[in-house]
Protein backbone atom coordinates (compact mmCIF):
# COMPACT_ATOMS: atom_id res chain seq x y z
CA MET A 1 0.00 0.00 0.00
CA PRO A 2 1.27 3.52 -0.79
CA ILE A 3 2.32 5.52 2.24
CA PRO A 4 -0.13 8.42 2.73
CA PHE A 5 1.23 11.88 3.47
CA ILE A 6 -1.70 12.45 5.84
CA ASP A 7 -3.96 9.52 6.69
CA LEU A 8 -7.44 10.95 7.18
CA GLN A 9 -9.07 7.56 6.71
CA ALA A 10 -7.34 6.12 9.78
CA GLN A 11 -8.91 8.88 11.85
CA ARG A 12 -12.32 8.26 10.25
CA ARG A 13 -12.12 4.58 11.12
CA ARG A 14 -11.24 5.43 14.72
CA LEU A 15 -14.19 7.79 15.11
CA GLY A 16 -16.45 5.25 13.45
CA GLU A 17 -20.20 5.14 13.78
CA PRO A 18 -20.63 8.16 16.13
CA LEU A 19 -19.09 10.39 13.45
CA GLU A 20 -21.39 9.05 10.76
CA ALA A 21 -24.39 9.35 13.11
CA ALA A 22 -23.52 12.99 13.83
CA ILE A 23 -23.46 13.78 10.11
CA LEU A 24 -26.72 11.93 9.52
CA GLU A 25 -28.34 13.82 12.40
CA VAL A 26 -27.67 17.11 10.62
CA VAL A 27 -28.90 15.72 7.30
CA ARG A 28 -32.16 14.58 8.91
CA SER A 29 -32.63 17.84 10.85
CA GLY A 30 -32.64 20.11 7.82
CA ALA A 31 -30.69 22.75 9.79
CA TYR A 32 -27.86 22.88 7.29
CA ILE A 33 -26.79 26.47 8.04
CA MET A 34 -26.29 27.77 11.61
CA GLY A 35 -27.83 24.68 13.18
CA PRO A 36 -27.43 23.99 16.92
CA GLN A 37 -24.09 22.25 16.40
CA ILE A 38 -22.55 25.61 15.45
CA ALA A 39 -23.09 27.07 18.93
CA GLN A 40 -22.00 23.78 20.51
CA LEU A 41 -18.77 23.83 18.52
CA GLU A 42 -18.04 27.47 19.35
CA ALA A 43 -18.47 26.72 23.06
CA ALA A 44 -16.22 23.64 22.83
CA LEU A 45 -13.52 25.53 20.92
CA ALA A 46 -13.62 28.35 23.49
CA GLU A 47 -13.07 25.90 26.32
CA PHE A 48 -10.30 24.03 24.52
CA GLY A 49 -8.55 27.17 23.22
CA GLN A 50 -8.76 29.16 26.48
CA ALA A 51 -10.76 31.97 24.84
CA PRO A 52 -13.80 33.86 26.17
CA HIS A 53 -15.38 34.12 22.71
CA VAL A 54 -15.27 32.05 19.51
CA LEU A 55 -16.86 32.73 16.15
CA SER A 56 -17.02 29.98 13.55
CA CYS A 57 -16.80 31.07 9.92
CA GLY A 58 -16.48 29.86 6.35
CA SER A 59 -12.71 29.45 6.05
CA GLY A 60 -9.35 30.20 7.63
CA THR A 61 -8.86 33.05 5.16
CA GLU A 62 -12.12 34.69 6.17
CA ALA A 63 -11.12 34.23 9.81
CA LEU A 64 -8.20 36.58 9.10
CA VAL A 65 -10.25 39.07 7.08
CA LEU A 66 -13.08 39.44 9.60
CA PRO A 67 -11.05 41.05 12.44
CA LEU A 68 -9.33 43.38 9.96
CA MET A 69 -12.79 44.49 8.86
CA ALA A 70 -13.94 44.88 12.47
CA TRP A 71 -10.92 47.09 13.24
CA GLU A 72 -11.62 49.10 10.06
CA ILE A 73 -8.16 48.40 8.68
CA GLY A 74 -8.00 49.41 5.03
CA PRO A 75 -6.29 51.60 2.42
CA GLY A 76 -3.12 53.26 3.68
CA ASP A 77 -2.75 50.81 6.58
CA ALA A 78 0.13 48.36 7.03
CA VAL A 79 -0.19 44.88 8.49
CA PHE A 80 3.09 43.01 9.18
CA CYS A 81 3.37 39.29 8.48
CA PRO A 82 5.93 36.67 7.46
CA SER A 83 6.54 35.80 3.81
CA PHE A 84 7.39 32.19 4.68
CA THR A 85 3.80 30.96 4.98
CA PHE A 86 0.76 30.14 2.87
CA ALA A 87 -0.53 33.00 0.72
CA ALA A 88 -3.79 33.32 2.67
CA THR A 89 -1.96 35.13 5.48
CA ALA A 90 -0.89 37.97 3.18
CA GLU A 91 -4.01 37.77 1.02
CA ALA A 92 -6.16 39.04 3.88
CA MET A 93 -4.65 42.53 3.69
CA PRO A 94 -5.33 43.34 0.01
CA LEU A 95 -8.84 41.95 0.46
CA VAL A 96 -9.56 44.90 2.80
CA GLY A 97 -7.40 47.34 0.83
CA ALA A 98 -4.48 47.31 3.27
CA SER A 99 -0.82 46.53 2.55
CA PRO A 100 1.13 43.56 3.85
CA VAL A 101 4.67 44.33 5.00
CA PHE A 102 6.82 41.20 4.97
CA VAL A 103 9.02 40.28 7.94
CA ASP A 104 11.80 37.71 8.16
CA ILE A 105 11.75 34.52 10.23
CA LEU A 106 13.96 32.90 12.83
CA PRO A 107 16.33 30.28 11.38
CA ASP A 108 15.43 27.53 13.85
CA THR A 109 11.63 27.71 14.34
CA TYR A 110 10.73 29.34 10.97
CA ASN A 111 8.41 31.72 12.82
CA MET A 112 8.41 35.52 12.86
CA ASP A 113 11.59 37.26 14.03
CA ALA A 114 10.47 39.81 16.65
CA GLU A 115 13.60 41.94 16.19
CA HIS A 116 13.08 42.20 12.45
CA LEU A 117 9.41 42.97 13.09
CA ASP A 118 10.40 45.91 15.29
CA ALA A 119 12.82 47.16 12.64
CA ALA A 120 10.17 46.83 9.92
CA ILE A 121 7.64 48.84 11.92
CA GLU A 122 10.19 51.57 12.59
CA ALA A 123 11.08 51.70 8.88
CA VAL A 124 7.44 52.07 7.83
CA LYS A 125 6.95 54.83 10.38
CA ARG A 126 10.01 56.71 9.10
CA GLU A 127 8.91 56.44 5.49
CA GLY A 128 5.46 57.76 6.35
CA LYS A 129 3.57 56.25 3.41
CA LEU A 130 1.67 53.65 5.43
CA ARG A 131 0.13 53.61 8.91
CA PRO A 132 1.19 50.56 10.97
CA LYS A 133 -1.97 48.97 12.37
CA ALA A 134 -1.55 45.26 13.06
CA VAL A 135 0.70 42.21 13.06
CA ILE A 136 -0.18 38.68 11.94
CA ALA A 137 2.16 36.11 13.47
CA VAL A 138 1.94 32.58 12.04
CA ASP A 139 2.21 29.33 13.99
CA LEU A 140 4.03 27.69 11.12
CA PHE A 141 4.10 23.91 10.81
CA GLY A 142 2.10 23.67 14.05
CA GLN A 143 4.26 25.34 16.69
CA PRO A 144 3.63 28.66 18.47
CA ALA A 145 5.45 31.80 17.43
CA ASP A 146 7.46 33.72 20.05
CA TYR A 147 4.40 35.52 21.37
CA PRO A 148 5.99 37.08 24.47
CA ALA A 149 8.52 38.88 22.25
CA ILE A 150 6.10 39.67 19.41
CA SER A 151 3.37 40.98 21.71
CA GLU A 152 5.92 43.22 23.43
CA VAL A 153 6.75 44.78 20.05
CA CYS A 154 3.04 45.22 19.33
CA ARG A 155 2.47 46.97 22.67
CA LYS A 156 5.46 49.23 22.04
CA HIS A 157 3.97 50.42 18.76
CA GLY A 158 0.27 50.24 19.68
CA LEU A 159 -0.56 47.54 17.12
CA LYS A 160 -3.20 44.81 17.14
CA LEU A 161 -1.89 41.22 17.13
CA ILE A 162 -3.46 38.30 15.28
CA ALA A 163 -2.19 34.78 15.91
CA ASP A 164 -2.67 32.89 12.63
CA SER A 165 -3.04 29.36 13.97
CA ALA A 166 -4.32 27.85 10.73
CA GLN A 167 -1.61 25.20 11.08
CA GLY A 168 -1.22 25.45 14.82
CA PHE A 169 -4.58 25.35 16.58
CA GLY A 170 -3.96 23.48 19.83
CA CYS A 171 -0.31 24.51 20.15
CA THR A 172 0.76 26.03 23.45
CA LEU A 173 3.62 28.03 24.91
CA ASP A 174 4.20 27.58 28.62
CA GLU A 175 0.79 25.83 28.69
CA ARG A 176 -0.96 28.89 27.26
CA HIS A 177 -2.67 29.13 23.89
CA PRO A 178 -1.69 32.02 21.57
CA ILE A 179 -4.85 33.97 22.45
CA PHE A 180 -3.24 34.69 25.84
CA TRP A 181 -0.95 37.18 24.08
CA ALA A 182 -2.90 38.02 20.93
CA ASP A 183 -5.97 40.20 20.45
CA VAL A 184 -7.33 37.54 18.11
CA ALA A 185 -6.36 33.98 17.21
CA THR A 186 -7.62 32.42 14.00
CA THR A 187 -7.64 28.92 12.61
CA SER A 188 -8.56 26.91 9.55
CA PHE A 189 -10.48 23.64 9.47
CA PHE A 190 -9.31 22.67 5.99
CA PRO A 191 -9.33 18.83 6.01
CA ALA A 192 -5.54 18.44 6.08
CA LYS A 193 -5.12 20.62 9.18
CA PRO A 194 -4.49 18.93 12.56
CA LEU A 195 -8.11 19.70 13.48
CA GLY A 196 -9.75 19.48 10.07
CA ALA A 197 -13.35 19.28 8.90
CA TYR A 198 -14.76 17.46 5.85
CA GLY A 199 -14.82 20.74 3.92
CA ASP A 200 -13.82 24.34 4.45
CA GLY A 201 -14.27 26.20 7.71
CA GLY A 202 -12.51 28.49 10.15
CA ALA A 203 -12.80 30.19 13.52
CA VAL A 204 -11.86 33.42 15.28
CA LEU A 205 -11.00 33.37 18.97
CA CYS A 206 -11.03 36.67 20.87
CA LYS A 207 -11.18 38.17 24.34
CA ASP A 208 -13.23 41.34 23.70
CA ALA A 209 -17.03 41.03 23.83
CA ARG A 210 -17.63 44.06 21.59
CA LEU A 211 -15.22 42.73 18.98
CA HIS A 212 -17.01 39.38 19.03
CA ASP A 213 -20.32 41.18 18.54
CA LEU A 214 -18.94 42.94 15.48
CA LEU A 215 -17.60 39.66 14.11
CA VAL A 216 -21.03 38.05 14.52
CA SER A 217 -22.50 40.88 12.45
CA LEU A 218 -19.78 40.86 9.79
CA ARG A 219 -20.05 37.09 9.37
CA VAL A 220 -23.61 37.47 8.07
CA HIS A 221 -23.74 40.48 5.77
CA GLY A 222 -23.37 43.05 8.55
CA GLN A 223 -26.72 42.16 10.11
CA ALA A 224 -27.87 43.88 13.28
CA VAL A 225 -26.74 42.22 16.50
CA LYS A 226 -27.86 42.72 20.07
CA SER A 227 -25.68 45.75 20.74
CA ASP A 228 -27.01 47.46 17.59
CA LEU A 229 -30.61 47.11 18.78
CA GLU A 230 -30.17 48.48 22.29
CA GLY A 231 -32.41 51.50 22.73
CA ARG A 232 -34.20 51.10 19.40
CA THR A 233 -37.08 49.11 17.99
CA PHE A 234 -37.35 47.30 14.69
CA GLU A 235 -40.61 45.59 13.90
CA HIS A 236 -39.15 43.11 11.41
CA ASP A 237 -36.62 40.30 11.78
CA PRO A 238 -33.35 42.10 12.71
CA LYS A 239 -31.39 39.93 10.28
CA TYR A 240 -32.80 42.20 7.58
CA LEU A 241 -31.43 45.30 9.29
CA ASN A 242 -27.88 45.67 7.98
CA MET A 243 -25.67 47.92 10.09
CA ARG A 244 -22.38 47.55 8.22
CA VAL A 245 -20.91 45.96 5.10
CA GLY A 246 -20.13 42.35 5.90
CA MET A 247 -19.80 39.04 4.07
CA ASN A 248 -21.31 35.57 3.93
CA SER A 249 -18.99 33.49 6.10
CA ARG A 250 -21.22 30.99 7.85
CA MET A 251 -19.90 27.50 8.56
CA ASP A 252 -22.00 24.56 7.36
CA THR A 253 -23.63 22.70 10.23
CA ILE A 254 -22.28 19.37 8.96
CA GLN A 255 -18.73 20.69 9.39
CA ALA A 256 -19.51 21.68 12.98
CA ALA A 257 -20.87 18.19 13.67
CA VAL A 258 -17.70 16.63 12.24
CA LEU A 259 -15.44 18.94 14.24
CA LEU A 260 -17.25 18.21 17.50
CA GLN A 261 -16.45 14.53 17.03
CA LYS A 262 -12.84 15.23 16.07
CA LEU A 263 -12.33 17.64 18.99
CA SER A 264 -13.20 14.82 21.39
CA ILE A 265 -9.98 12.99 20.42
CA PHE A 266 -7.85 16.01 19.52
CA SER A 267 -5.75 16.10 22.70
CA ASP A 268 -4.90 12.43 22.26
CA GLU A 269 -3.97 13.06 18.62
CA ILE A 270 -1.68 15.95 19.60
CA ALA A 271 0.15 13.62 21.99
CA ALA A 272 0.43 11.01 19.21
CA ARG A 273 1.78 13.61 16.76
CA ASN A 274 4.48 14.50 19.28
CA ARG A 275 5.44 10.84 19.65
CA VAL A 276 5.81 10.61 15.86
CA ALA A 277 7.89 13.81 15.81
CA ASP A 278 10.14 12.50 18.59
CA ARG A 279 10.70 9.27 16.67
CA TYR A 280 11.66 11.22 13.54
CA ALA A 281 14.09 13.36 15.54
CA GLN A 282 15.72 10.31 17.11
CA GLY A 283 16.15 8.65 13.73
CA LEU A 284 17.23 11.64 11.63
CA SER A 285 18.93 14.28 13.76
CA ASP A 286 22.42 13.08 12.89
CA VAL A 287 21.91 13.17 9.10
CA VAL A 288 19.60 16.13 8.36
CA THR A 289 18.44 19.29 10.13
CA VAL A 290 15.34 18.38 12.12
CA PRO A 291 12.79 20.86 13.50
CA LYS A 292 13.38 22.77 16.70
CA VAL A 293 10.42 23.72 18.89
CA ILE A 294 10.51 26.97 20.85
CA GLU A 295 11.43 26.49 24.52
CA GLY A 296 8.27 25.80 26.51
CA GLY A 297 6.30 25.12 23.34
CA VAL A 298 4.14 22.20 22.31
CA SER A 299 3.62 21.79 18.58
CA VAL A 300 0.64 20.11 16.94
CA TRP A 301 2.94 19.14 14.04
CA ALA A 302 0.84 20.08 11.05
CA GLN A 303 3.96 19.18 9.09
CA TYR A 304 7.27 17.55 9.95
CA THR A 305 9.77 19.68 8.04
CA ILE A 306 13.45 18.93 7.71
CA GLU A 307 16.27 20.69 5.85
CA CYS A 308 18.50 19.09 3.27
CA ASP A 309 21.30 20.50 1.10
CA ASP A 310 19.92 18.58 -1.90
CA ARG A 311 16.21 18.96 -1.24
CA ASP A 312 15.13 18.06 -4.79
CA GLY A 313 17.40 15.02 -4.85
CA LEU A 314 15.92 13.78 -1.59
CA ALA A 315 12.38 14.29 -2.90
CA ALA A 316 13.17 12.26 -6.01
CA HIS A 317 14.82 9.52 -3.94
CA LEU A 318 11.80 9.23 -1.63
CA LYS A 319 9.35 9.31 -4.55
CA ALA A 320 11.16 6.36 -6.09
CA ALA A 321 10.56 4.54 -2.79
CA ASP A 322 6.82 5.46 -2.89
CA ILE A 323 7.25 7.90 0.00
CA PRO A 324 5.37 11.18 -0.53
CA THR A 325 6.86 14.55 0.40
CA ALA A 326 5.82 18.19 0.10
CA VAL A 327 7.62 21.53 0.06
CA TYR A 328 6.17 24.29 2.23
CA TYR A 329 6.92 26.80 0.69
CA PRO A 330 9.13 26.81 -2.43
CA ILE A 331 8.45 30.45 -3.36
CA PRO A 332 8.13 32.97 -0.51
CA ILE A 333 5.09 35.21 -0.86
CA HIS A 334 7.10 38.40 -1.41
CA LYS A 335 8.75 36.77 -4.45
CA GLN A 336 5.44 35.98 -6.15
CA GLY A 337 4.39 38.47 -8.82
CA VAL A 338 1.11 39.62 -7.35
CA TYR A 339 2.77 40.37 -3.98
CA SER A 340 6.18 41.54 -5.20
CA GLY A 341 5.22 45.22 -5.06
CA TYR A 342 4.51 45.19 -1.33
CA PRO A 343 7.23 46.30 1.12
CA VAL A 344 9.65 44.06 2.99
CA GLY A 345 11.49 44.81 6.21
CA PRO A 346 14.96 46.40 6.31
CA GLY A 347 17.70 44.29 4.75
CA GLY A 348 15.25 42.04 2.93
CA LEU A 349 14.36 38.52 4.03
CA PRO A 350 17.59 36.47 3.82
CA VAL A 351 16.51 33.72 6.22
CA THR A 352 13.19 33.27 4.43
CA GLN A 353 14.96 33.02 1.09
CA ALA A 354 17.51 30.49 2.36
CA LYS A 355 14.96 28.22 4.02
CA ALA A 356 12.68 28.16 0.98
CA GLU A 357 15.47 26.39 -0.92
CA ARG A 358 16.16 23.72 1.74
CA VAL A 359 12.95 22.60 3.46
CA ILE A 360 11.02 19.42 2.71
CA SER A 361 8.20 17.85 4.71
CA LEU A 362 7.78 14.13 5.47
CA PRO A 363 4.56 12.19 6.12
CA MET A 364 3.06 13.28 9.44
CA HIS A 365 -0.17 12.30 11.17
CA PRO A 366 -1.19 10.72 14.50
CA TYR A 367 -1.67 7.28 12.97
CA LEU A 368 1.76 6.84 11.39
CA GLU A 369 2.74 3.29 12.40
CA PRO A 370 6.31 2.77 13.71
CA ASP A 371 7.17 0.21 11.02
CA VAL A 372 6.05 2.60 8.27
CA GLN A 373 7.92 5.47 9.89
CA ASP A 374 11.01 3.27 10.08
CA GLN A 375 10.80 2.85 6.28
CA ILE A 376 10.73 6.62 5.85
CA ILE A 377 13.63 7.16 8.25
CA ALA A 378 15.69 4.45 6.56
CA ALA A 379 15.09 5.97 3.12
CA VAL A 380 16.15 9.44 4.28
CA ARG A 381 19.23 8.01 5.96
CA ALA A 382 20.14 6.04 2.84
CA PHE A 383 20.04 9.21 0.73
CA ALA A 384 21.99 11.19 3.31
CA GLY A 385 24.66 8.46 3.51
CA ARG A 386 24.96 8.27 -0.24
CA ASN A 387 25.49 12.02 -0.42
CA ALA A 388 27.73 12.41 2.61
């Protein structure tokens, strides 16, 4: 049997009949949009993610756009983010008319470099063309960014902080989730994510009740919410009273039902992912560069990413052995044509550029059997030995 890069079917088999019954319950109910499972999921995510408020939405991209809209970030505003990430992180800014400003990463964790962030903010202020408004830090490959350092920079400059946990929902730093430091944490429930649905979906975690109220409105076409109706009367259904320009970003009820089942085993799966990562590190640390997790951090290991001098050669070698790999990300965002006109921090992004040429990700999921993992480790070691 081919080795899967991510084995979603093993998880489905584990969840079994209760998962299928939960989906069928939604189908039979007819409450396909904003059914009761939506509120149940939001409450469960809030408890798991240590957040007072959670809003489910249509995708991880929309989860990033919604708080920018709520904060009225737009033309002339700068939002700082890494270039070494998926394009959705940077895409959120042009979607509201704002400008991304790209920041370099740390060479060991691949996450945002707080010192370069500070320098980039100072440079934008000196130039005077853009107004610094927010920072989006990414929990790349599943591990938390250096939020104590990044949040300190944000406080220094009076900027909002979004933790983009599309790959890292469930990660912790000193037993705290990213929302402890951030104004907002967002995630994606794309099926391949550590906590993935059976379609698209996302969520926004926040601490401010008024912000959550605005997000509820923006999620559904800017409809009136409770705070909008205080002190006024409206004789019709308030969903037809639109207070602001919003979007359609409702999560399907079936996705909420699936995620409720998956959340029940998520902590166990995180522990299993860490056992798989430890086994990789033990088997490969002497022949390739293996990932380093920030001190005090727990990763959810969305990917297991190593570095190799001959990345393309290793990929070809593993493909010949029927072992799948992936490269996240071969072209940094700031090097892609549509984003190449946006600013980068002082001195460019040398670490980002170097890592993009070396990284390669190996199969990673909670159900990777030791004997299969041993095959992968042996194949990597064979290539490394041949090229030593």
